Amino acid sequence: MCVAPIIVSEPSPHHFTCISNVFMIFYIRISFIKSVLEIHIKWWGAWLLIVQFLKNIGVPSNLESFTWSVATPRHKVLWASQDTTSPPRDNILP
């Protein structure tokens, strides 16, 4: 009686390399996005602290409207322009 050998194919090292490369690419992308967000949040917080300090020492409020127009998205600028406690900000809207 002749018994055929059972061949068990194992994944090649190249297969593991491809999988690890894919995971490495995702890890690098996630790390990059995380670092960009952290830098943006730190910059935004520092900018708000500077503006608050300048307001506390009496710098005119047109600096605040400049901050809103440069550093915030359009919907926040529209929301800020409806603030009744600050001077009119008609120069922000087109």
PDB file of N, CA and C in Angstrom:
ATOM      1  N   MET A   1       0.847  -1.166   0.000  1.00  0.00           N
ATOM      2  CA  MET A   1       0.000   0.000   0.000  1.00  0.00           C
ATOM      3  C   MET A   1       0.893   1.230   0.000  1.00  0.00           C
ATOM      4  N   CYS A   2       0.526   2.179  -0.851  1.00  0.00           N
ATOM      5  CA  CYS A   2       1.327   3.404  -0.982  1.00  0.00           C
ATOM      6  C   CYS A   2       0.564   4.562  -0.360  1.00  0.00           C
ATOM      7  N   VAL A   3       1.187   5.254   0.530  1.00  0.00           N
ATOM      8  CA  VAL A   3       0.548   6.398   1.192  1.00  0.00           C
ATOM      9  C   VAL A   3       1.174   7.676   0.641  1.00  0.00           C
ATOM     10  N   ALA A   4       0.325   8.536   0.167  1.00  0.00           N
ATOM     11  CA  ALA A   4       0.826   9.818  -0.353  1.00  0.00           C
ATOM     12  C   ALA A   4       1.206  10.723   0.816  1.00  0.00           C
ATOM     13  N   PRO A   5       2.318  11.350   0.703  1.00  0.00           N
ATOM     14  CA  PRO A   5       2.708  12.257   1.796  1.00  0.00           C
ATOM     15  C   PRO A   5       1.760  13.457   1.893  1.00  0.00           C
ATOM     16  N   ILE A   6       1.486  13.891   3.107  1.00  0.00           N
ATOM     17  CA  ILE A   6       0.634  15.064   3.340  1.00  0.00           C
ATOM     18  C   ILE A   6       1.543  16.289   3.377  1.00  0.00           C
ATOM     19  N   ILE A   7       1.268  17.192   2.490  1.00  0.00           N
ATOM     20  CA  ILE A   7       2.094  18.407   2.415  1.00  0.00           C
ATOM     21  C   ILE A   7       1.313  19.549   3.065  1.00  0.00           C
ATOM     22  N   VAL A   8       1.875  20.096   4.082  1.00  0.00           N
ATOM     23  CA  VAL A   8       1.264  21.246   4.756  1.00  0.00           C
ATOM     24  C   VAL A   8       2.023  22.481   4.305  1.00  0.00           C
ATOM     25  N   SER A   9       1.298  23.346   3.637  1.00  0.00           N
ATOM     26  CA  SER A   9       1.985  24.558   3.161  1.00  0.00           C
ATOM     27  C   SER A   9       1.976  25.613   4.265  1.00  0.00           C
ATOM     28  N   GLU A  10       3.125  26.091   4.564  1.00  0.00           N
ATOM     29  CA  GLU A  10       3.255  27.143   5.567  1.00  0.00           C
ATOM     30  C   GLU A  10       3.358  28.483   4.851  1.00  0.00           C
ATOM     31  N   PRO A  11       2.882  29.512   5.492  1.00  0.00           N
ATOM     32  CA  PRO A  11       3.005  30.830   4.869  1.00  0.00           C
ATOM     33  C   PRO A  11       4.479  31.186   4.695  1.00  0.00           C
ATOM     34  N   SER A  12       4.757  31.789   3.597  1.00  0.00           N
ATOM     35  CA  SER A  12       6.148  32.164   3.338  1.00  0.00           C
ATOM     36  C   SER A  12       6.517  33.390   4.166  1.00  0.00           C
ATOM     37  N   PRO A  13       7.807  33.599   4.405  1.00  0.00           N
ATOM     38  CA  PRO A  13       8.226  34.813   5.119  1.00  0.00           C
ATOM     39  C   PRO A  13       7.782  36.080   4.388  1.00  0.00           C
ATOM     40  N   HIS A  14       7.683  35.990   3.056  1.00  0.00           N
ATOM     41  CA  HIS A  14       7.239  37.150   2.291  1.00  0.00           C
ATOM     42  C   HIS A  14       5.812  37.540   2.666  1.00  0.00           C
ATOM     43  N   HIS A  15       4.969  36.552   2.948  1.00  0.00           N
ATOM     44  CA  HIS A  15       3.583  36.810   3.343  1.00  0.00           C
ATOM     45  C   HIS A  15       3.552  37.632   4.634  1.00  0.00           C
ATOM     46  N   PHE A  16       4.346  37.238   5.617  1.00  0.00           N
ATOM     47  CA  PHE A  16       4.392  37.987   6.877  1.00  0.00           C
ATOM     48  C   PHE A  16       4.967  39.379   6.677  1.00  0.00           C
ATOM     49  N   THR A  17       5.929  39.505   5.784  1.00  0.00           N
ATOM     50  CA  THR A  17       6.513  40.816   5.515  1.00  0.00           C
ATOM     51  C   THR A  17       5.468  41.752   4.930  1.00  0.00           C
ATOM     52  N   CYS A  18       4.654  41.259   4.012  1.00  0.00           N
ATOM     53  CA  CYS A  18       3.607  42.095   3.419  1.00  0.00           C
ATOM     54  C   CYS A  18       2.604  42.550   4.473  1.00  0.00           C
ATOM     55  N   ILE A  19       2.192  41.616   5.321  1.00  0.00           N
ATOM     56  CA  ILE A  19       1.229  41.968   6.371  1.00  0.00           C
ATOM     57  C   ILE A  19       1.836  42.989   7.324  1.00  0.00           C
ATOM     58  N   SER A  20       3.078  42.786   7.731  1.00  0.00           N
ATOM     59  CA  SER A  20       3.694  43.731   8.661  1.00  0.00           C
ATOM     60  C   SER A  20       3.897  45.093   8.005  1.00  0.00           C
ATOM     61  N   ASN A  21       4.176  45.103   6.696  1.00  0.00           N
ATOM     62  CA  ASN A  21       4.317  46.386   6.001  1.00  0.00           C
ATOM     63  C   ASN A  21       2.997  47.149   5.968  1.00  0.00           C
ATOM     64  N   VAL A  22       1.908  46.438   5.747  1.00  0.00           N
ATOM     65  CA  VAL A  22       0.597  47.095   5.727  1.00  0.00           C
ATOM     66  C   VAL A  22       0.284  47.687   7.094  1.00  0.00           C
ATOM     67  N   PHE A  23       0.509  46.916   8.154  1.00  0.00           N
ATOM     68  CA  PHE A  23       0.263  47.442   9.496  1.00  0.00           C
ATOM     69  C   PHE A  23       1.189  48.614   9.809  1.00  0.00           C
ATOM     70  N   MET A  24       2.428  48.554   9.360  1.00  0.00           N
ATOM     71  CA  MET A  24       3.368  49.643   9.605  1.00  0.00           C
ATOM     72  C   MET A  24       2.912  50.917   8.904  1.00  0.00           C
ATOM     73  N   ILE A  25       2.400  50.776   7.685  1.00  0.00           N
ATOM     74  CA  ILE A  25       1.913  51.959   6.965  1.00  0.00           C
ATOM     75  C   ILE A  25       0.745  52.593   7.717  1.00  0.00           C
ATOM     76  N   PHE A  26      -0.209  51.775   8.184  1.00  0.00           N
ATOM     77  CA  PHE A  26      -1.325  52.321   8.952  1.00  0.00           C
ATOM     78  C   PHE A  26      -0.840  52.967  10.243  1.00  0.00           C
ATOM     79  N   TYR A  27       0.116  52.348  10.916  1.00  0.00           N
ATOM     80  CA  TYR A  27       0.644  52.896  12.163  1.00  0.00           C
ATOM     81  C   TYR A  27       1.311  54.247  11.918  1.00  0.00           C
ATOM     82  N   ILE A  28       2.089  54.340  10.848  1.00  0.00           N
ATOM     83  CA  ILE A  28       2.768  55.602  10.540  1.00  0.00           C
ATOM     84  C   ILE A  28       1.744  56.683  10.214  1.00  0.00           C
ATOM     85  N   ARG A  29       0.725  56.334   9.443  1.00  0.00           N
ATOM     86  CA  ARG A  29      -0.299  57.330   9.105  1.00  0.00           C
ATOM     87  C   ARG A  29      -1.048  57.800  10.343  1.00  0.00           C
ATOM     88  N   ILE A  30      -1.431  56.876  11.206  1.00  0.00           N
ATOM     89  CA  ILE A  30      -2.148  57.253  12.426  1.00  0.00           C
ATOM     90  C   ILE A  30      -1.251  58.103  13.316  1.00  0.00           C
ATOM     91  N   SER A  31       0.018  57.747  13.437  1.00  0.00           N
ATOM     92  CA  SER A  31       0.946  58.533  14.252  1.00  0.00           C
ATOM     93  C   SER A  31       1.106  59.936  13.689  1.00  0.00           C
ATOM     94  N   PHE A  32       1.177  60.050  12.372  1.00  0.00           N
ATOM     95  CA  PHE A  32       1.328  61.361  11.746  1.00  0.00           C
ATOM     96  C   PHE A  32       0.096  62.227  11.990  1.00  0.00           C
ATOM     97  N   ILE A  33      -1.084  61.650  11.799  1.00  0.00           N
ATOM     98  CA  ILE A  33      -2.317  62.408  12.024  1.00  0.00           C
ATOM     99  C   ILE A  33      -2.411  62.840  13.481  1.00  0.00           C
ATOM    100  N   LYS A  34      -2.045  61.958  14.392  1.00  0.00           N
ATOM    101  CA  LYS A  34      -2.093  62.283  15.821  1.00  0.00           C
ATOM    102  C   LYS A  34      -1.145  63.432  16.144  1.00  0.00           C
ATOM    103  N   SER A  35       0.061  63.399  15.598  1.00  0.00           N
ATOM    104  CA  SER A  35       1.022  64.466  15.893  1.00  0.00           C
ATOM    105  C   SER A  35       0.571  65.793  15.296  1.00  0.00           C
ATOM    106  N   VAL A  36      -0.018  65.759  14.102  1.00  0.00           N
ATOM    107  CA  VAL A  36      -0.514  67.001  13.496  1.00  0.00           C
ATOM    108  C   VAL A  36      -1.640  67.583  14.343  1.00  0.00           C
ATOM    109  N   LEU A  37      -2.543  66.740  14.813  1.00  0.00           N
ATOM    110  CA  LEU A  37      -3.633  67.228  15.659  1.00  0.00           C
ATOM    111  C   LEU A  37      -3.111  67.797  16.969  1.00  0.00           C
ATOM    112  N   GLU A  38      -2.133  67.138  17.577  1.00  0.00           N
ATOM    113  CA  GLU A  38      -1.573  67.640  18.830  1.00  0.00           C
ATOM    114  C   GLU A  38      -0.920  69.002  18.623  1.00  0.00           C
ATOM    115  N   ILE A  39      -0.183  69.152  17.530  1.00  0.00           N
ATOM    116  CA  ILE A  39       0.463  70.437  17.250  1.00  0.00           C
ATOM    117  C   ILE A  39      -0.596  71.506  17.019  1.00  0.00           C
ATOM    118  N   HIS A  40      -1.644  71.181  16.271  1.00  0.00           N
ATOM    119  CA  HIS A  40      -2.700  72.154  15.996  1.00  0.00           C
ATOM    120  C   HIS A  40      -3.398  72.579  17.285  1.00  0.00           C
ATOM    121  N   ILE A  41      -3.685  71.620  18.162  1.00  0.00           N
ATOM    122  CA  ILE A  41      -4.357  71.941  19.422  1.00  0.00           C
ATOM    123  C   ILE A  41      -3.462  72.816  20.294  1.00  0.00           C
ATOM    124  N   LYS A  42      -2.165  72.492  20.362  1.00  0.00           N
ATOM    125  CA  LYS A  42      -1.250  73.306  21.167  1.00  0.00           C
ATOM    126  C   LYS A  42      -1.129  74.713  20.596  1.00  0.00           C
ATOM    127  N   TRP A  43      -1.051  74.836  19.253  1.00  0.00           N
ATOM    128  CA  TRP A  43      -0.948  76.149  18.630  1.00  0.00           C
ATOM    129  C   TRP A  43      -2.198  76.961  18.898  1.00  0.00           C
ATOM    130  N   TRP A  44      -3.356  76.321  18.762  1.00  0.00           N
ATOM    131  CA  TRP A  44      -4.623  77.014  18.975  1.00  0.00           C
ATOM    132  C   TRP A  44      -4.735  77.485  20.425  1.00  0.00           C
ATOM    133  N   GLY A  45      -4.354  76.636  21.375  1.00  0.00           N
ATOM    134  CA  GLY A  45      -4.403  77.032  22.777  1.00  0.00           C
ATOM    135  C   GLY A  45      -3.461  78.181  23.081  1.00  0.00           C
ATOM    136  N   ALA A  46      -2.262  78.138  22.511  1.00  0.00           N
ATOM    137  CA  ALA A  46      -1.302  79.226  22.722  1.00  0.00           C
ATOM    138  C   ALA A  46      -1.825  80.522  22.118  1.00  0.00           C
ATOM    139  N   TRP A  47      -2.422  80.441  20.937  1.00  0.00           N
ATOM    140  CA  TRP A  47      -2.960  81.640  20.284  1.00  0.00           C
ATOM    141  C   TRP A  47      -4.081  82.248  21.122  1.00  0.00           C
ATOM    142  N   LEU A  48      -4.961  81.414  21.669  1.00  0.00           N
ATOM    143  CA  LEU A  48      -6.041  81.932  22.505  1.00  0.00           C
ATOM    144  C   LEU A  48      -5.501  82.565  23.785  1.00  0.00           C
ATOM    145  N   LEU A  49      -4.456  81.976  24.362  1.00  0.00           N
ATOM    146  CA  LEU A  49      -3.855  82.579  25.555  1.00  0.00           C
ATOM    147  C   LEU A  49      -3.251  83.941  25.244  1.00  0.00           C
ATOM    148  N   ILE A  50      -2.589  84.062  24.102  1.00  0.00           N
ATOM    149  CA  ILE A  50      -1.997  85.348  23.714  1.00  0.00           C
ATOM    150  C   ILE A  50      -3.090  86.393  23.520  1.00  0.00           C
ATOM    151  N   VAL A  51      -4.160  86.029  22.826  1.00  0.00           N
ATOM    152  CA  VAL A  51      -5.260  86.976  22.599  1.00  0.00           C
ATOM    153  C   VAL A  51      -5.900  87.378  23.918  1.00  0.00           C
ATOM    154  N   GLN A  52      -6.104  86.423  24.810  1.00  0.00           N
ATOM    155  CA  GLN A  52      -6.698  86.736  26.111  1.00  0.00           C
ATOM    156  C   GLN A  52      -5.800  87.676  26.904  1.00  0.00           C
ATOM    157  N   PHE A  53      -4.500  87.437  26.865  1.00  0.00           N
ATOM    158  CA  PHE A  53      -3.562  88.310  27.565  1.00  0.00           C
ATOM    159  C   PHE A  53      -3.618  89.727  27.000  1.00  0.00           C
ATOM    160  N   LEU A  54      -3.629  89.834  25.672  1.00  0.00           N
ATOM    161  CA  LEU A  54      -3.678  91.160  25.051  1.00  0.00           C
ATOM    162  C   LEU A  54      -4.990  91.873  25.365  1.00  0.00           C
ATOM    163  N   LYS A  55      -6.087  91.134  25.431  1.00  0.00           N
ATOM    164  CA  LYS A  55      -7.360  91.754  25.815  1.00  0.00           C
ATOM    165  C   LYS A  55      -7.306  92.236  27.259  1.00  0.00           C
ATOM    166  N   ASN A  56      -6.648  91.472  28.122  1.00  0.00           N
ATOM    167  CA  ASN A  56      -6.562  91.855  29.532  1.00  0.00           C
ATOM    168  C   ASN A  56      -5.745  93.116  29.737  1.00  0.00           C
ATOM    169  N   ILE A  57      -4.743  93.350  28.889  1.00  0.00           N
ATOM    170  CA  ILE A  57      -3.933  94.561  29.062  1.00  0.00           C
ATOM    171  C   ILE A  57      -4.492  95.738  28.269  1.00  0.00           C
ATOM    172  N   GLY A  58      -5.626  95.543  27.602  1.00  0.00           N
ATOM    173  CA  GLY A  58      -6.318  96.665  26.981  1.00  0.00           C
ATOM    174  C   GLY A  58      -6.104  96.858  25.501  1.00  0.00           C
ATOM    175  N   VAL A  59      -5.687  95.853  24.799  1.00  0.00           N
ATOM    176  CA  VAL A  59      -5.561  95.974  23.345  1.00  0.00           C
ATOM    177  C   VAL A  59      -6.968  96.049  22.750  1.00  0.00           C
ATOM    178  N   PRO A  60      -7.190  96.900  21.745  1.00  0.00           N
ATOM    179  CA  PRO A  60      -8.541  97.041  21.172  1.00  0.00           C
ATOM    180  C   PRO A  60      -9.108  95.709  20.679  1.00  0.00           C
ATOM    181  N   SER A  61     -10.426  95.641  20.662  1.00  0.00           N
ATOM    182  CA  SER A  61     -11.077  94.368  20.354  1.00  0.00           C
ATOM    183  C   SER A  61     -11.028  94.009  18.881  1.00  0.00           C
ATOM    184  N   ASN A  62     -10.495  94.877  18.016  1.00  0.00           N
ATOM    185  CA  ASN A  62     -10.388  94.472  16.611  1.00  0.00           C
ATOM    186  C   ASN A  62      -9.397  93.327  16.457  1.00  0.00           C
ATOM    187  N   LEU A  63      -8.505  93.141  17.436  1.00  0.00           N
ATOM    188  CA  LEU A  63      -7.620  91.975  17.423  1.00  0.00           C
ATOM    189  C   LEU A  63      -8.439  90.694  17.536  1.00  0.00           C
ATOM    190  N   GLU A  64      -9.503  90.737  18.334  1.00  0.00           N
ATOM    191  CA  GLU A  64     -10.352  89.558  18.484  1.00  0.00           C
ATOM    192  C   GLU A  64     -11.053  89.230  17.167  1.00  0.00           C
ATOM    193  N   SER A  65     -11.551  90.234  16.476  1.00  0.00           N
ATOM    194  CA  SER A  65     -12.212  89.953  15.196  1.00  0.00           C
ATOM    195  C   SER A  65     -11.212  89.431  14.177  1.00  0.00           C
ATOM    196  N   PHE A  66      -9.974  89.933  14.244  1.00  0.00           N
ATOM    197  CA  PHE A  66      -8.935  89.403  13.359  1.00  0.00           C
ATOM    198  C   PHE A  66      -8.678  87.934  13.673  1.00  0.00           C
ATOM    199  N   THR A  67      -8.633  87.607  14.949  1.00  0.00           N
ATOM    200  CA  THR A  67      -8.414  86.219  15.354  1.00  0.00           C
ATOM    201  C   THR A  67      -9.528  85.329  14.828  1.00  0.00           C
ATOM    202  N   TRP A  68     -10.768  85.768  14.981  1.00  0.00           N
ATOM    203  CA  TRP A  68     -11.887  84.957  14.510  1.00  0.00           C
ATOM    204  C   TRP A  68     -11.832  84.770  13.003  1.00  0.00           C
ATOM    205  N   SER A  69     -11.493  85.830  12.284  1.00  0.00           N
ATOM    206  CA  SER A  69     -11.537  85.729  10.825  1.00  0.00           C
ATOM    207  C   SER A  69     -10.403  84.881  10.279  1.00  0.00           C
ATOM    208  N   VAL A  70      -9.252  84.873  10.938  1.00  0.00           N
ATOM    209  CA  VAL A  70      -8.099  84.137  10.423  1.00  0.00           C
ATOM    210  C   VAL A  70      -8.105  82.689  10.887  1.00  0.00           C
ATOM    211  N   ALA A  71      -8.437  82.462  12.143  1.00  0.00           N
ATOM    212  CA  ALA A  71      -8.151  81.159  12.738  1.00  0.00           C
ATOM    213  C   ALA A  71      -9.356  80.259  12.951  1.00  0.00           C
ATOM    214  N   THR A  72     -10.546  80.644  12.491  1.00  0.00           N
ATOM    215  CA  THR A  72     -11.693  79.779  12.732  1.00  0.00           C
ATOM    216  C   THR A  72     -12.433  79.479  11.440  1.00  0.00           C
ATOM    217  N   PRO A  73     -13.136  78.371  11.412  1.00  0.00           N
ATOM    218  CA  PRO A  73     -13.940  78.042  10.231  1.00  0.00           C
ATOM    219  C   PRO A  73     -15.088  79.027  10.026  1.00  0.00           C
ATOM    220  N   ARG A  74     -15.669  78.990   8.869  1.00  0.00           N
ATOM    221  CA  ARG A  74     -16.705  79.945   8.482  1.00  0.00           C
ATOM    222  C   ARG A  74     -17.911  79.906   9.417  1.00  0.00           C
ATOM    223  N   HIS A  75     -18.383  78.723   9.805  1.00  0.00           N
ATOM    224  CA  HIS A  75     -19.582  78.672  10.638  1.00  0.00           C
ATOM    225  C   HIS A  75     -19.334  79.292  12.006  1.00  0.00           C
ATOM    226  N   LYS A  76     -18.104  79.192  12.516  1.00  0.00           N
ATOM    227  CA  LYS A  76     -17.816  79.816  13.806  1.00  0.00           C
ATOM    228  C   LYS A  76     -17.716  81.327  13.664  1.00  0.00           C
ATOM    229  N   VAL A  77     -17.244  81.801  12.526  1.00  0.00           N
ATOM    230  CA  VAL A  77     -17.184  83.245  12.303  1.00  0.00           C
ATOM    231  C   VAL A  77     -18.595  83.804  12.263  1.00  0.00           C
ATOM    232  N   LEU A  78     -19.502  83.120  11.586  1.00  0.00           N
ATOM    233  CA  LEU A  78     -20.887  83.583  11.537  1.00  0.00           C
ATOM    234  C   LEU A  78     -21.504  83.591  12.929  1.00  0.00           C
ATOM    235  N   TRP A  79     -21.220  82.548  13.703  1.00  0.00           N
ATOM    236  CA  TRP A  79     -21.747  82.495  15.064  1.00  0.00           C
ATOM    237  C   TRP A  79     -21.172  83.629  15.904  1.00  0.00           C
ATOM    238  N   ALA A  80     -19.894  83.895  15.756  1.00  0.00           N
ATOM    239  CA  ALA A  80     -19.250  84.937  16.552  1.00  0.00           C
ATOM    240  C   ALA A  80     -19.754  86.312  16.154  1.00  0.00           C
ATOM    241  N   SER A  81     -20.130  86.497  14.897  1.00  0.00           N
ATOM    242  CA  SER A  81     -20.573  87.815  14.462  1.00  0.00           C
ATOM    243  C   SER A  81     -21.926  88.172  15.065  1.00  0.00           C
ATOM    244  N   GLN A  82     -22.646  87.203  15.628  1.00  0.00           N
ATOM    245  CA  GLN A  82     -23.934  87.481  16.241  1.00  0.00           C
ATOM    246  C   GLN A  82     -23.801  87.785  17.731  1.00  0.00           C
ATOM    247  N   ASP A  83     -22.597  87.836  18.225  1.00  0.00           N
ATOM    248  CA  ASP A  83     -22.357  88.127  19.633  1.00  0.00           C
ATOM    249  C   ASP A  83     -22.745  89.573  19.899  1.00  0.00           C
ATOM    250  N   THR A  84     -23.596  89.814  20.898  1.00  0.00           N
ATOM    251  CA  THR A  84     -24.052  91.170  21.176  1.00  0.00           C
ATOM    252  C   THR A  84     -23.167  91.885  22.179  1.00  0.00           C
ATOM    253  N   THR A  85     -22.231  91.189  22.814  1.00  0.00           N
ATOM    254  CA  THR A  85     -21.389  91.827  23.816  1.00  0.00           C
ATOM    255  C   THR A  85     -20.172  92.500  23.205  1.00  0.00           C
ATOM    256  N   SER A  86     -19.861  92.208  21.954  1.00  0.00           N
ATOM    257  CA  SER A  86     -18.698  92.786  21.296  1.00  0.00           C
ATOM    258  C   SER A  86     -19.155  93.801  20.262  1.00  0.00           C
ATOM    259  N   PRO A  87     -18.237  94.651  19.820  1.00  0.00           N
ATOM    260  CA  PRO A  87     -18.589  95.595  18.755  1.00  0.00           C
ATOM    261  C   PRO A  87     -18.996  94.838  17.493  1.00  0.00           C
ATOM    262  N   PRO A  88     -19.727  95.484  16.587  1.00  0.00           N
ATOM    263  CA  PRO A  88     -20.140  94.803  15.351  1.00  0.00           C
ATOM    264  C   PRO A  88     -18.940  94.299  14.568  1.00  0.00           C
ATOM    265  N   ARG A  89     -19.111  93.154  13.950  1.00  0.00           N
ATOM    266  CA  ARG A  89     -18.014  92.553  13.190  1.00  0.00           C
ATOM    267  C   ARG A  89     -18.415  92.402  11.725  1.00  0.00           C
ATOM    268  N   ASP A  90     -18.999  93.438  11.167  1.00  0.00           N
ATOM    269  CA  ASP A  90     -19.473  93.352   9.787  1.00  0.00           C
ATOM    270  C   ASP A  90     -18.336  93.180   8.802  1.00  0.00           C
ATOM    271  N   ASN A  91     -17.129  93.607   9.196  1.00  0.00           N
ATOM    272  CA  ASN A  91     -16.001  93.515   8.270  1.00  0.00           C
ATOM    273  C   ASN A  91     -15.531  92.082   8.062  1.00  0.00           C
ATOM    274  N   ILE A  92     -16.008  91.124   8.864  1.00  0.00           N
ATOM    275  CA  ILE A  92     -15.595  89.731   8.703  1.00  0.00           C
ATOM    276  C   ILE A  92     -16.364  89.081   7.560  1.00  0.00           C
ATOM    277  N   LEU A  93     -17.653  89.372   7.503  1.00  0.00           N
ATOM    278  CA  LEU A  93     -18.499  88.721   6.513  1.00  0.00           C
ATOM    279  C   LEU A  93     -18.278  89.347   5.141  1.00  0.00           C
ATOM    280  N   PRO A  94     -18.344  88.558   4.085  1.00  0.00           N
ATOM    281  CA  PRO A  94     -18.123  89.126   2.737  1.00  0.00           C
ATOM    282  C   PRO A  94     -19.275  90.009   2.299  1.00  0.00           C
TER     283      PRO A  94
END
